[in-house]
Structure formats: structure tokens, C-alpha cells
Amino acid sequence: MSFPTHRPRRLRRTEALRGLVRETRLSTAGFIYPMFVCPGHEGAPGSQLHAGVHQQSVDQIVEECRESSR
């Protein structure tokens, strides 16, 4: 297979299109921080399905969100 002689520029015409075909770049904005909420005022013990995963009450989740956004 030879190198193409014609290189169409249609995929790079606008910034929006260039963003769609650009190489993947990782940043902290692309990560998800999973939180598990339980009713009440005190967190429940760890989940039985996943080791190390803990449920937290709403008041604890609010504080966790503040800390994680710093």
C-alpha cells in the first residue's frame, strides 16, 4: 500500500472539526470521581460488592466535593 497522493483537508476546516479528529489527550477534566451516597447523617460501612468502596451520607459527600475540587 502506497502513501496517499491526495490529502483531503475537509476534516481540518474548522476548529470544531479539528477537535473531533485530534489525537486523544488526557487531562483532569476528563476523569470521573465516583461517590456513593447513602441516606442519613453518618456514612455506612464499606460496600459488600467492592472492597475499599465506602458509602457516605449527604453531608459527608458535600465536604468531599469541596476537598476534591481544590
PDB file of N, CA and C in Angstrom:
ATOM      1  N   MET A   1       0.840  -1.177   0.000  1.00  0.00           N
ATOM      2  CA  MET A   1       0.000   0.000   0.000  1.00  0.00           C
ATOM      3  C   MET A   1       0.890   1.246   0.000  1.00  0.00           C
ATOM      4  N   SER A   2       0.631   2.154  -0.901  1.00  0.00           N
ATOM      5  CA  SER A   2       1.460   3.354  -1.000  1.00  0.00           C
ATOM      6  C   SER A   2       0.835   4.515  -0.223  1.00  0.00           C
ATOM      7  N   PHE A   3       1.639   5.505   0.020  1.00  0.00           N
ATOM      8  CA  PHE A   3       1.185   6.699   0.724  1.00  0.00           C
ATOM      9  C   PHE A   3       0.198   7.456  -0.168  1.00  0.00           C
ATOM     10  N   PRO A   4      -0.905   7.969   0.406  1.00  0.00           N
ATOM     11  CA  PRO A   4      -1.888   8.672  -0.441  1.00  0.00           C
ATOM     12  C   PRO A   4      -1.283   9.935  -1.061  1.00  0.00           C
ATOM     13  N   THR A   5      -1.623  10.167  -2.320  1.00  0.00           N
ATOM     14  CA  THR A   5      -1.114  11.358  -3.002  1.00  0.00           C
ATOM     15  C   THR A   5      -2.011  12.565  -2.765  1.00  0.00           C
ATOM     16  N   HIS A   6      -3.256  12.321  -2.413  1.00  0.00           N
ATOM     17  CA  HIS A   6      -4.193  13.416  -2.135  1.00  0.00           C
ATOM     18  C   HIS A   6      -4.578  13.367  -0.661  1.00  0.00           C
ATOM     19  N   ARG A   7      -4.387  14.471   0.060  1.00  0.00           N
ATOM     20  CA  ARG A   7      -4.715  14.537   1.484  1.00  0.00           C
ATOM     21  C   ARG A   7      -5.846  15.535   1.696  1.00  0.00           C
ATOM     22  N   PRO A   8      -7.097  15.056   1.786  1.00  0.00           N
ATOM     23  CA  PRO A   8      -8.224  15.979   1.924  1.00  0.00           C
ATOM     24  C   PRO A   8      -8.143  16.769   3.233  1.00  0.00           C
ATOM     25  N   ARG A   9      -8.436  18.050   3.148  1.00  0.00           N
ATOM     26  CA  ARG A   9      -8.367  18.940   4.299  1.00  0.00           C
ATOM     27  C   ARG A   9      -9.736  19.179   4.933  1.00  0.00           C
ATOM     28  N   ARG A  10     -10.764  18.508   4.444  1.00  0.00           N
ATOM     29  CA  ARG A  10     -12.114  18.786   4.927  1.00  0.00           C
ATOM     30  C   ARG A  10     -12.278  18.516   6.422  1.00  0.00           C
ATOM     31  N   LEU A  11     -11.470  17.604   6.978  1.00  0.00           N
ATOM     32  CA  LEU A  11     -11.595  17.297   8.391  1.00  0.00           C
ATOM     33  C   LEU A  11     -10.878  18.313   9.277  1.00  0.00           C
ATOM     34  N   ARG A  12     -10.194  19.255   8.660  1.00  0.00           N
ATOM     35  CA  ARG A  12      -9.459  20.252   9.443  1.00  0.00           C
ATOM     36  C   ARG A  12      -9.893  21.679   9.121  1.00  0.00           C
ATOM     37  N   ARG A  13     -11.058  21.832   8.517  1.00  0.00           N
ATOM     38  CA  ARG A  13     -11.510  23.141   8.061  1.00  0.00           C
ATOM     39  C   ARG A  13     -11.833  24.087   9.216  1.00  0.00           C
ATOM     40  N   THR A  14     -12.546  23.618  10.242  1.00  0.00           N
ATOM     41  CA  THR A  14     -12.936  24.470  11.372  1.00  0.00           C
ATOM     42  C   THR A  14     -12.345  23.920  12.663  1.00  0.00           C
ATOM     43  N   GLU A  15     -12.300  24.765  13.686  1.00  0.00           N
ATOM     44  CA  GLU A  15     -11.766  24.327  14.989  1.00  0.00           C
ATOM     45  C   GLU A  15     -12.608  23.194  15.576  1.00  0.00           C
ATOM     46  N   ALA A  16     -13.928  23.255  15.386  1.00  0.00           N
ATOM     47  CA  ALA A  16     -14.802  22.194  15.909  1.00  0.00           C
ATOM     48  C   ALA A  16     -14.473  20.843  15.263  1.00  0.00           C
ATOM     49  N   LEU A  17     -14.274  20.824  13.951  1.00  0.00           N
ATOM     50  CA  LEU A  17     -13.910  19.577  13.270  1.00  0.00           C
ATOM     51  C   LEU A  17     -12.517  19.111  13.671  1.00  0.00           C
ATOM     52  N   ARG A  18     -11.586  20.050  13.801  1.00  0.00           N
ATOM     53  CA  ARG A  18     -10.233  19.667  14.222  1.00  0.00           C
ATOM     54  C   ARG A  18     -10.264  19.048  15.613  1.00  0.00           C
ATOM     55  N   GLY A  19     -11.121  19.553  16.487  1.00  0.00           N
ATOM     56  CA  GLY A  19     -11.239  18.995  17.827  1.00  0.00           C
ATOM     57  C   GLY A  19     -11.755  17.562  17.819  1.00  0.00           C
ATOM     58  N   LEU A  20     -12.607  17.248  16.856  1.00  0.00           N
ATOM     59  CA  LEU A  20     -13.152  15.889  16.769  1.00  0.00           C
ATOM     60  C   LEU A  20     -12.131  14.872  16.272  1.00  0.00           C
ATOM     61  N   VAL A  21     -11.229  15.284  15.404  1.00  0.00           N
ATOM     62  CA  VAL A  21     -10.282  14.334  14.812  1.00  0.00           C
ATOM     63  C   VAL A  21      -8.896  14.417  15.445  1.00  0.00           C
ATOM     64  N   ARG A  22      -8.724  15.293  16.403  1.00  0.00           N
ATOM     65  CA  ARG A  22      -7.432  15.475  17.074  1.00  0.00           C
ATOM     66  C   ARG A  22      -7.082  14.230  17.897  1.00  0.00           C
ATOM     67  N   GLU A  23      -5.821  14.044  18.135  1.00  0.00           N
ATOM     68  CA  GLU A  23      -5.372  12.938  18.978  1.00  0.00           C
ATOM     69  C   GLU A  23      -5.958  13.079  20.385  1.00  0.00           C
ATOM     70  N   THR A  24      -6.143  11.971  21.038  1.00  0.00           N
ATOM     71  CA  THR A  24      -6.698  11.972  22.390  1.00  0.00           C
ATOM     72  C   THR A  24      -5.687  12.535  23.371  1.00  0.00           C
ATOM     73  N   ARG A  25      -6.145  13.422  24.229  1.00  0.00           N
ATOM     74  CA  ARG A  25      -5.290  13.991  25.266  1.00  0.00           C
ATOM     75  C   ARG A  25      -5.982  13.826  26.610  1.00  0.00           C
ATOM     76  N   LEU A  26      -5.238  13.370  27.584  1.00  0.00           N
ATOM     77  CA  LEU A  26      -5.790  13.188  28.915  1.00  0.00           C
ATOM     78  C   LEU A  26      -5.585  14.444  29.747  1.00  0.00           C
ATOM     79  N   SER A  27      -6.604  14.790  30.508  1.00  0.00           N
ATOM     80  CA  SER A  27      -6.494  15.888  31.458  1.00  0.00           C
ATOM     81  C   SER A  27      -7.374  15.555  32.657  1.00  0.00           C
ATOM     82  N   THR A  28      -7.203  16.275  33.719  1.00  0.00           N
ATOM     83  CA  THR A  28      -8.004  16.006  34.918  1.00  0.00           C
ATOM     84  C   THR A  28      -9.481  16.288  34.682  1.00  0.00           C
ATOM     85  N   ALA A  29      -9.811  17.105  33.704  1.00  0.00           N
ATOM     86  CA  ALA A  29     -11.212  17.401  33.397  1.00  0.00           C
ATOM     87  C   ALA A  29     -11.945  16.178  32.836  1.00  0.00           C
ATOM     88  N   GLY A  30     -11.214  15.207  32.333  1.00  0.00           N
ATOM     89  CA  GLY A  30     -11.835  14.036  31.741  1.00  0.00           C
ATOM     90  C   GLY A  30     -12.038  12.868  32.686  1.00  0.00           C
ATOM     91  N   PHE A  31     -11.616  12.992  33.913  1.00  0.00           N
ATOM     92  CA  PHE A  31     -11.739  11.894  34.862  1.00  0.00           C
ATOM     93  C   PHE A  31     -13.017  12.015  35.685  1.00  0.00           C
ATOM     94  N   ILE A  32     -13.514  10.892  36.150  1.00  0.00           N
ATOM     95  CA  ILE A  32     -14.720  10.841  36.970  1.00  0.00           C
ATOM     96  C   ILE A  32     -14.326  10.404  38.372  1.00  0.00           C
ATOM     97  N   TYR A  33     -14.885  11.070  39.367  1.00  0.00           N
ATOM     98  CA  TYR A  33     -14.611  10.741  40.757  1.00  0.00           C
ATOM     99  C   TYR A  33     -15.866  10.090  41.328  1.00  0.00           C
ATOM    100  N   PRO A  34     -15.909   8.758  41.419  1.00  0.00           N
ATOM    101  CA  PRO A  34     -17.131   8.088  41.870  1.00  0.00           C
ATOM    102  C   PRO A  34     -17.380   8.292  43.371  1.00  0.00           C
ATOM    103  N   MET A  35     -18.620   8.610  43.696  1.00  0.00           N
ATOM    104  CA  MET A  35     -19.032   8.774  45.087  1.00  0.00           C
ATOM    105  C   MET A  35     -20.339   8.012  45.277  1.00  0.00           C
ATOM    106  N   PHE A  36     -20.459   7.347  46.410  1.00  0.00           N
ATOM    107  CA  PHE A  36     -21.635   6.551  46.698  1.00  0.00           C
ATOM    108  C   PHE A  36     -22.339   7.140  47.913  1.00  0.00           C
ATOM    109  N   VAL A  37     -23.593   7.526  47.733  1.00  0.00           N
ATOM    110  CA  VAL A  37     -24.350   8.229  48.769  1.00  0.00           C
ATOM    111  C   VAL A  37     -25.348   7.285  49.421  1.00  0.00           C
ATOM    112  N   CYS A  38     -25.476   7.410  50.752  1.00  0.00           N
ATOM    113  CA  CYS A  38     -26.481   6.663  51.487  1.00  0.00           C
ATOM    114  C   CYS A  38     -27.305   7.658  52.315  1.00  0.00           C
ATOM    115  N   PRO A  39     -28.531   7.324  52.640  1.00  0.00           N
ATOM    116  CA  PRO A  39     -29.343   8.237  53.449  1.00  0.00           C
ATOM    117  C   PRO A  39     -28.831   8.293  54.889  1.00  0.00           C
ATOM    118  N   GLY A  40     -29.130   9.379  55.563  1.00  0.00           N
ATOM    119  CA  GLY A  40     -28.731   9.503  56.958  1.00  0.00           C
ATOM    120  C   GLY A  40     -27.649  10.540  57.151  1.00  0.00           C
ATOM    121  N   HIS A  41     -27.136  10.583  58.376  1.00  0.00           N
ATOM    122  CA  HIS A  41     -26.127  11.584  58.713  1.00  0.00           C
ATOM    123  C   HIS A  41     -24.753  10.992  58.945  1.00  0.00           C
ATOM    124  N   GLU A  42     -24.631   9.705  58.962  1.00  0.00           N
ATOM    125  CA  GLU A  42     -23.324   9.065  59.129  1.00  0.00           C
ATOM    126  C   GLU A  42     -23.137   8.055  58.009  1.00  0.00           C
ATOM    127  N   GLY A  43     -21.925   7.948  57.527  1.00  0.00           N
ATOM    128  CA  GLY A  43     -21.636   7.032  56.428  1.00  0.00           C
ATOM    129  C   GLY A  43     -21.848   5.581  56.812  1.00  0.00           C
ATOM    130  N   ALA A  44     -22.282   4.802  55.864  1.00  0.00           N
ATOM    131  CA  ALA A  44     -22.472   3.367  56.076  1.00  0.00           C
ATOM    132  C   ALA A  44     -21.134   2.663  55.926  1.00  0.00           C
ATOM    133  N   PRO A  45     -21.013   1.452  56.439  1.00  0.00           N
ATOM    134  CA  PRO A  45     -19.762   0.710  56.248  1.00  0.00           C
ATOM    135  C   PRO A  45     -19.521   0.432  54.767  1.00  0.00           C
ATOM    136  N   GLY A  46     -18.358  -0.054  54.442  1.00  0.00           N
ATOM    137  CA  GLY A  46     -17.976  -0.312  53.044  1.00  0.00           C
ATOM    138  C   GLY A  46     -18.972  -1.186  52.314  1.00  0.00           C
ATOM    139  N   SER A  47     -19.020  -0.997  51.019  1.00  0.00           N
ATOM    140  CA  SER A  47     -19.893  -1.783  50.173  1.00  0.00           C
ATOM    141  C   SER A  47     -19.429  -3.242  50.182  1.00  0.00           C
ATOM    142  N   GLN A  48     -20.374  -4.143  50.176  1.00  0.00           N
ATOM    143  CA  GLN A  48     -20.012  -5.555  50.162  1.00  0.00           C
ATOM    144  C   GLN A  48     -19.622  -6.019  48.759  1.00  0.00           C
ATOM    145  N   LEU A  49     -19.976  -5.230  47.748  1.00  0.00           N
ATOM    146  CA  LEU A  49     -19.663  -5.623  46.380  1.00  0.00           C
ATOM    147  C   LEU A  49     -18.247  -5.256  45.970  1.00  0.00           C
ATOM    148  N   HIS A  50     -17.720  -4.142  46.502  1.00  0.00           N
ATOM    149  CA  HIS A  50     -16.408  -3.658  46.095  1.00  0.00           C
ATOM    150  C   HIS A  50     -15.557  -3.365  47.323  1.00  0.00           C
ATOM    151  N   ALA A  51     -14.422  -3.988  47.389  1.00  0.00           N
ATOM    152  CA  ALA A  51     -13.523  -3.744  48.513  1.00  0.00           C
ATOM    153  C   ALA A  51     -12.979  -2.324  48.442  1.00  0.00           C
ATOM    154  N   GLY A  52     -12.964  -1.638  49.565  1.00  0.00           N
ATOM    155  CA  GLY A  52     -12.415  -0.289  49.626  1.00  0.00           C
ATOM    156  C   GLY A  52     -13.375   0.799  49.206  1.00  0.00           C
ATOM    157  N   VAL A  53     -14.603   0.448  48.827  1.00  0.00           N
ATOM    158  CA  VAL A  53     -15.601   1.440  48.437  1.00  0.00           C
ATOM    159  C   VAL A  53     -16.504   1.696  49.621  1.00  0.00           C
ATOM    160  N   HIS A  54     -16.665   2.962  49.966  1.00  0.00           N
ATOM    161  CA  HIS A  54     -17.482   3.324  51.124  1.00  0.00           C
ATOM    162  C   HIS A  54     -18.598   4.261  50.717  1.00  0.00           C
ATOM    163  N   GLN A  55     -19.761   4.047  51.313  1.00  0.00           N
ATOM    164  CA  GLN A  55     -20.874   4.952  51.107  1.00  0.00           C
ATOM    165  C   GLN A  55     -20.775   6.067  52.127  1.00  0.00           C
ATOM    166  N   GLN A  56     -21.186   7.268  51.723  1.00  0.00           N
ATOM    167  CA  GLN A  56     -21.143   8.413  52.612  1.00  0.00           C
ATOM    168  C   GLN A  56     -22.500   9.092  52.624  1.00  0.00           C
ATOM    169  N   SER A  57     -22.801   9.757  53.746  1.00  0.00           N
ATOM    170  CA  SER A  57     -24.052  10.498  53.831  1.00  0.00           C
ATOM    171  C   SER A  57     -23.926  11.792  53.035  1.00  0.00           C
ATOM    172  N   VAL A  58     -25.048  12.460  52.834  1.00  0.00           N
ATOM    173  CA  VAL A  58     -25.066  13.670  52.012  1.00  0.00           C
ATOM    174  C   VAL A  58     -24.136  14.734  52.579  1.00  0.00           C
ATOM    175  N   ASP A  59     -24.136  14.940  53.893  1.00  0.00           N
ATOM    176  CA  ASP A  59     -23.269  15.965  54.475  1.00  0.00           C
ATOM    177  C   ASP A  59     -21.790  15.633  54.279  1.00  0.00           C
ATOM    178  N   GLN A  60     -21.436  14.358  54.313  1.00  0.00           N
ATOM    179  CA  GLN A  60     -20.056  13.963  54.070  1.00  0.00           C
ATOM    180  C   GLN A  60     -19.685  14.120  52.595  1.00  0.00           C
ATOM    181  N   ILE A  61     -20.637  13.841  51.698  1.00  0.00           N
ATOM    182  CA  ILE A  61     -20.395  13.976  50.268  1.00  0.00           C
ATOM    183  C   ILE A  61     -20.134  15.436  49.905  1.00  0.00           C
ATOM    184  N   VAL A  62     -20.886  16.351  50.525  1.00  0.00           N
ATOM    185  CA  VAL A  62     -20.684  17.777  50.238  1.00  0.00           C
ATOM    186  C   VAL A  62     -19.262  18.177  50.621  1.00  0.00           C
ATOM    187  N   GLU A  63     -18.801  17.755  51.783  1.00  0.00           N
ATOM    188  CA  GLU A  63     -17.435  18.084  52.207  1.00  0.00           C
ATOM    189  C   GLU A  63     -16.408  17.420  51.284  1.00  0.00           C
ATOM    190  N   GLU A  64     -16.657  16.208  50.878  1.00  0.00           N
ATOM    191  CA  GLU A  64     -15.744  15.503  49.956  1.00  0.00           C
ATOM    192  C   GLU A  64     -15.655  16.238  48.615  1.00  0.00           C
ATOM    193  N   CYS A  65     -16.774  16.754  48.122  1.00  0.00           N
ATOM    194  CA  CYS A  65     -16.784  17.506  46.863  1.00  0.00           C
ATOM    195  C   CYS A  65     -15.931  18.770  47.009  1.00  0.00           C
ATOM    196  N   ARG A  66     -16.055  19.442  48.125  1.00  0.00           N
ATOM    197  CA  ARG A  66     -15.247  20.649  48.343  1.00  0.00           C
ATOM    198  C   ARG A  66     -13.771  20.320  48.320  1.00  0.00           C
ATOM    199  N   GLU A  67     -13.382  19.240  48.968  1.00  0.00           N
ATOM    200  CA  GLU A  67     -11.972  18.855  49.032  1.00  0.00           C
ATOM    201  C   GLU A  67     -11.452  18.408  47.665  1.00  0.00           C
ATOM    202  N   SER A  68     -12.266  17.670  46.916  1.00  0.00           N
ATOM    203  CA  SER A  68     -11.796  17.144  45.630  1.00  0.00           C
ATOM    204  C   SER A  68     -11.696  18.222  44.559  1.00  0.00           C
ATOM    205  N   SER A  69     -12.410  19.330  44.714  1.00  0.00           N
ATOM    206  CA  SER A  69     -12.369  20.373  43.695  1.00  0.00           C
ATOM    207  C   SER A  69     -11.205  21.339  43.902  1.00  0.00           C
ATOM    208  N   ARG A  70     -10.463  21.185  44.969  1.00  0.00           N
ATOM    209  CA  ARG A  70      -9.314  22.066  45.225  1.00  0.00           C
ATOM    210  C   ARG A  70      -8.120  21.683  44.410  1.00  0.00           C
TER     211      ARG A  70
END
